[in-house]
Protein backbone atom coordinates (compact mmCIF):
# COMPACT_ATOMS: atom_id res chain seq x y z
CA UNK A 1 0.00 0.00 0.00
CA UNK A 2 1.34 3.43 -0.97
CA UNK A 3 1.95 6.14 1.62
CA UNK A 4 0.42 9.55 1.04
CA UNK A 5 2.55 12.55 0.11
CA UNK A 6 1.08 16.04 -0.21
CA UNK A 7 2.75 18.69 -2.36
CA UNK A 8 1.64 22.18 -1.27
CA UNK A 9 2.25 25.05 -3.67
CA UNK A 10 0.97 28.45 -4.82
CA UNK A 11 1.32 28.08 -8.58
CA UNK A 12 4.38 30.33 -8.81
CA UNK A 13 7.25 29.44 -11.20
CA UNK A 14 9.36 28.08 -8.32
CA UNK A 15 6.44 25.88 -7.23
CA UNK A 16 5.70 24.59 -10.74
CA UNK A 17 9.36 23.71 -11.26
CA UNK A 18 9.49 21.90 -7.90
CA UNK A 19 6.34 19.98 -8.69
CA UNK A 20 7.68 18.87 -12.07
CA UNK A 21 11.05 17.91 -10.62
CA UNK A 22 10.43 16.65 -7.08
CA UNK A 23 6.81 15.58 -6.70
CA UNK A 24 6.71 13.83 -10.06
CA UNK A 25 9.98 12.00 -9.27
CA UNK A 26 8.44 10.08 -6.36
CA UNK A 27 7.87 6.39 -6.96
CA UNK A 28 4.13 6.01 -7.52
CA UNK A 29 4.32 2.47 -6.13
CA UNK A 30 5.50 3.92 -2.80
CA UNK A 31 3.70 7.29 -2.65
CA UNK A 32 0.29 8.53 -3.68
CA UNK A 33 1.00 12.24 -4.34
CA UNK A 34 -1.70 14.86 -3.93
CA UNK A 35 -0.98 18.35 -5.24
CA UNK A 36 -2.66 21.21 -3.34
CA UNK A 37 -2.66 24.75 -4.79
CA UNK A 38 -2.99 26.92 -1.68
CA UNK A 39 -3.55 30.04 -3.78
CA UNK A 40 -6.84 28.66 -5.07
CA UNK A 41 -7.71 26.32 -2.17
CA UNK A 42 -7.22 28.59 0.84
CA UNK A 43 -9.40 26.31 2.98
CA UNK A 44 -6.41 23.94 3.21
CA UNK A 45 -3.89 26.50 4.54
CA UNK A 46 -4.63 25.45 8.15
CA UNK A 47 -4.00 21.81 7.21
CA UNK A 48 -0.66 22.77 5.65
CA UNK A 49 0.34 24.78 8.73
CA UNK A 50 -0.62 21.89 11.03
CA UNK A 51 1.64 19.63 8.93
CA UNK A 52 4.57 22.01 9.55
CA UNK A 53 4.55 23.89 6.25
CA UNK A 54 6.10 27.37 6.65
CA UNK A 55 6.54 28.21 2.96
CA UNK A 56 5.73 26.77 -0.44
CA UNK A 57 6.64 24.74 -2.32
CA UNK A 58 6.70 22.04 0.34
CA UNK A 59 6.27 18.29 0.31
CA UNK A 60 4.80 16.49 3.32
CA UNK A 61 5.69 12.81 3.52
CA UNK A 62 4.89 10.55 6.47
CA UNK A 63 4.12 13.57 8.66
CA UNK A 64 7.35 15.45 7.91
CA UNK A 65 7.38 18.73 5.96
CA UNK A 66 10.21 19.23 3.47
CA UNK A 67 10.59 22.79 2.19
CA UNK A 68 11.84 23.04 -1.38
CA UNK A 69 13.48 26.33 -2.39
CA UNK A 70 11.28 29.35 -1.57
CA UNK A 71 8.28 30.57 -3.52
CA UNK A 72 6.05 32.18 -0.89
CA UNK A 73 5.59 32.26 2.85
CA UNK A 74 2.48 30.51 4.14
CA UNK A 75 1.48 33.80 5.82
CA UNK A 76 1.52 35.55 2.41
CA UNK A 77 -1.11 33.09 1.15
CA UNK A 78 -3.67 33.91 3.84
C-alpha atoms as a PDB file:
ATOM      1  CA  UNK A   1       0.000   0.000   0.000  1.00  0.00           C
ATOM      2  CA  UNK A   2       1.342   3.428  -0.966  1.00  0.00           C
ATOM      3  CA  UNK A   3       1.954   6.144   1.617  1.00  0.00           C
ATOM      4  CA  UNK A   4       0.420   9.546   1.041  1.00  0.00           C
ATOM      5  CA  UNK A   5       2.545  12.549   0.112  1.00  0.00           C
ATOM      6  CA  UNK A   6       1.077  16.040  -0.208  1.00  0.00           C
ATOM      7  CA  UNK A   7       2.750  18.691  -2.358  1.00  0.00           C
ATOM      8  CA  UNK A   8       1.645  22.183  -1.271  1.00  0.00           C
ATOM      9  CA  UNK A   9       2.252  25.051  -3.674  1.00  0.00           C
ATOM     10  CA  UNK A  10       0.969  28.448  -4.821  1.00  0.00           C
ATOM     11  CA  UNK A  11       1.319  28.078  -8.582  1.00  0.00           C
ATOM     12  CA  UNK A  12       4.377  30.330  -8.811  1.00  0.00           C
ATOM     13  CA  UNK A  13       7.245  29.442 -11.202  1.00  0.00           C
ATOM     14  CA  UNK A  14       9.363  28.078  -8.320  1.00  0.00           C
ATOM     15  CA  UNK A  15       6.440  25.875  -7.231  1.00  0.00           C
ATOM     16  CA  UNK A  16       5.699  24.592 -10.737  1.00  0.00           C
ATOM     17  CA  UNK A  17       9.361  23.714 -11.256  1.00  0.00           C
ATOM     18  CA  UNK A  18       9.494  21.899  -7.903  1.00  0.00           C
ATOM     19  CA  UNK A  19       6.339  19.976  -8.691  1.00  0.00           C
ATOM     20  CA  UNK A  20       7.679  18.868 -12.068  1.00  0.00           C
ATOM     21  CA  UNK A  21      11.052  17.910 -10.624  1.00  0.00           C
ATOM     22  CA  UNK A  22      10.429  16.654  -7.084  1.00  0.00           C
ATOM     23  CA  UNK A  23       6.807  15.582  -6.697  1.00  0.00           C
ATOM     24  CA  UNK A  24       6.713  13.833 -10.056  1.00  0.00           C
ATOM     25  CA  UNK A  25       9.976  12.000  -9.268  1.00  0.00           C
ATOM     26  CA  UNK A  26       8.443  10.079  -6.362  1.00  0.00           C
ATOM     27  CA  UNK A  27       7.870   6.390  -6.961  1.00  0.00           C
ATOM     28  CA  UNK A  28       4.127   6.007  -7.517  1.00  0.00           C
ATOM     29  CA  UNK A  29       4.318   2.465  -6.125  1.00  0.00           C
ATOM     30  CA  UNK A  30       5.499   3.919  -2.803  1.00  0.00           C
ATOM     31  CA  UNK A  31       3.700   7.285  -2.649  1.00  0.00           C
ATOM     32  CA  UNK A  32       0.294   8.528  -3.679  1.00  0.00           C
ATOM     33  CA  UNK A  33       0.999  12.236  -4.344  1.00  0.00           C
ATOM     34  CA  UNK A  34      -1.703  14.858  -3.926  1.00  0.00           C
ATOM     35  CA  UNK A  35      -0.980  18.351  -5.237  1.00  0.00           C
ATOM     36  CA  UNK A  36      -2.662  21.210  -3.343  1.00  0.00           C
ATOM     37  CA  UNK A  37      -2.659  24.745  -4.788  1.00  0.00           C
ATOM     38  CA  UNK A  38      -2.994  26.922  -1.678  1.00  0.00           C
ATOM     39  CA  UNK A  39      -3.547  30.042  -3.776  1.00  0.00           C
ATOM     40  CA  UNK A  40      -6.841  28.664  -5.073  1.00  0.00           C
ATOM     41  CA  UNK A  41      -7.713  26.322  -2.173  1.00  0.00           C
ATOM     42  CA  UNK A  42      -7.219  28.591   0.842  1.00  0.00           C
ATOM     43  CA  UNK A  43      -9.401  26.307   2.975  1.00  0.00           C
ATOM     44  CA  UNK A  44      -6.414  23.938   3.215  1.00  0.00           C
ATOM     45  CA  UNK A  45      -3.887  26.496   4.535  1.00  0.00           C
ATOM     46  CA  UNK A  46      -4.631  25.453   8.147  1.00  0.00           C
ATOM     47  CA  UNK A  47      -4.001  21.808   7.211  1.00  0.00           C
ATOM     48  CA  UNK A  48      -0.662  22.774   5.647  1.00  0.00           C
ATOM     49  CA  UNK A  49       0.341  24.776   8.730  1.00  0.00           C
ATOM     50  CA  UNK A  50      -0.620  21.886  11.030  1.00  0.00           C
ATOM     51  CA  UNK A  51       1.642  19.634   8.933  1.00  0.00           C
ATOM     52  CA  UNK A  52       4.569  22.011   9.551  1.00  0.00           C
ATOM     53  CA  UNK A  53       4.548  23.887   6.249  1.00  0.00           C
ATOM     54  CA  UNK A  54       6.099  27.370   6.649  1.00  0.00           C
ATOM     55  CA  UNK A  55       6.538  28.211   2.963  1.00  0.00           C
ATOM     56  CA  UNK A  56       5.730  26.774  -0.438  1.00  0.00           C
ATOM     57  CA  UNK A  57       6.643  24.741  -2.317  1.00  0.00           C
ATOM     58  CA  UNK A  58       6.705  22.039   0.336  1.00  0.00           C
ATOM     59  CA  UNK A  59       6.267  18.293   0.311  1.00  0.00           C
ATOM     60  CA  UNK A  60       4.795  16.492   3.322  1.00  0.00           C
ATOM     61  CA  UNK A  61       5.690  12.809   3.518  1.00  0.00           C
ATOM     62  CA  UNK A  62       4.892  10.549   6.465  1.00  0.00           C
ATOM     63  CA  UNK A  63       4.115  13.567   8.659  1.00  0.00           C
ATOM     64  CA  UNK A  64       7.350  15.447   7.914  1.00  0.00           C
ATOM     65  CA  UNK A  65       7.384  18.730   5.961  1.00  0.00           C
ATOM     66  CA  UNK A  66      10.215  19.233   3.474  1.00  0.00           C
ATOM     67  CA  UNK A  67      10.594  22.786   2.195  1.00  0.00           C
ATOM     68  CA  UNK A  68      11.843  23.044  -1.376  1.00  0.00           C
ATOM     69  CA  UNK A  69      13.479  26.327  -2.395  1.00  0.00           C
ATOM     70  CA  UNK A  70      11.285  29.349  -1.567  1.00  0.00           C
ATOM     71  CA  UNK A  71       8.282  30.567  -3.518  1.00  0.00           C
ATOM     72  CA  UNK A  72       6.053  32.184  -0.886  1.00  0.00           C
ATOM     73  CA  UNK A  73       5.592  32.260   2.855  1.00  0.00           C
ATOM     74  CA  UNK A  74       2.477  30.514   4.137  1.00  0.00           C
ATOM     75  CA  UNK A  75       1.479  33.797   5.824  1.00  0.00           C
ATOM     76  CA  UNK A  76       1.519  35.545   2.409  1.00  0.00           C
ATOM     77  CA  UNK A  77      -1.110  33.085   1.153  1.00  0.00           C
ATOM     78  CA  UNK A  78      -3.675  33.913   3.844  1.00  0.00           C
END
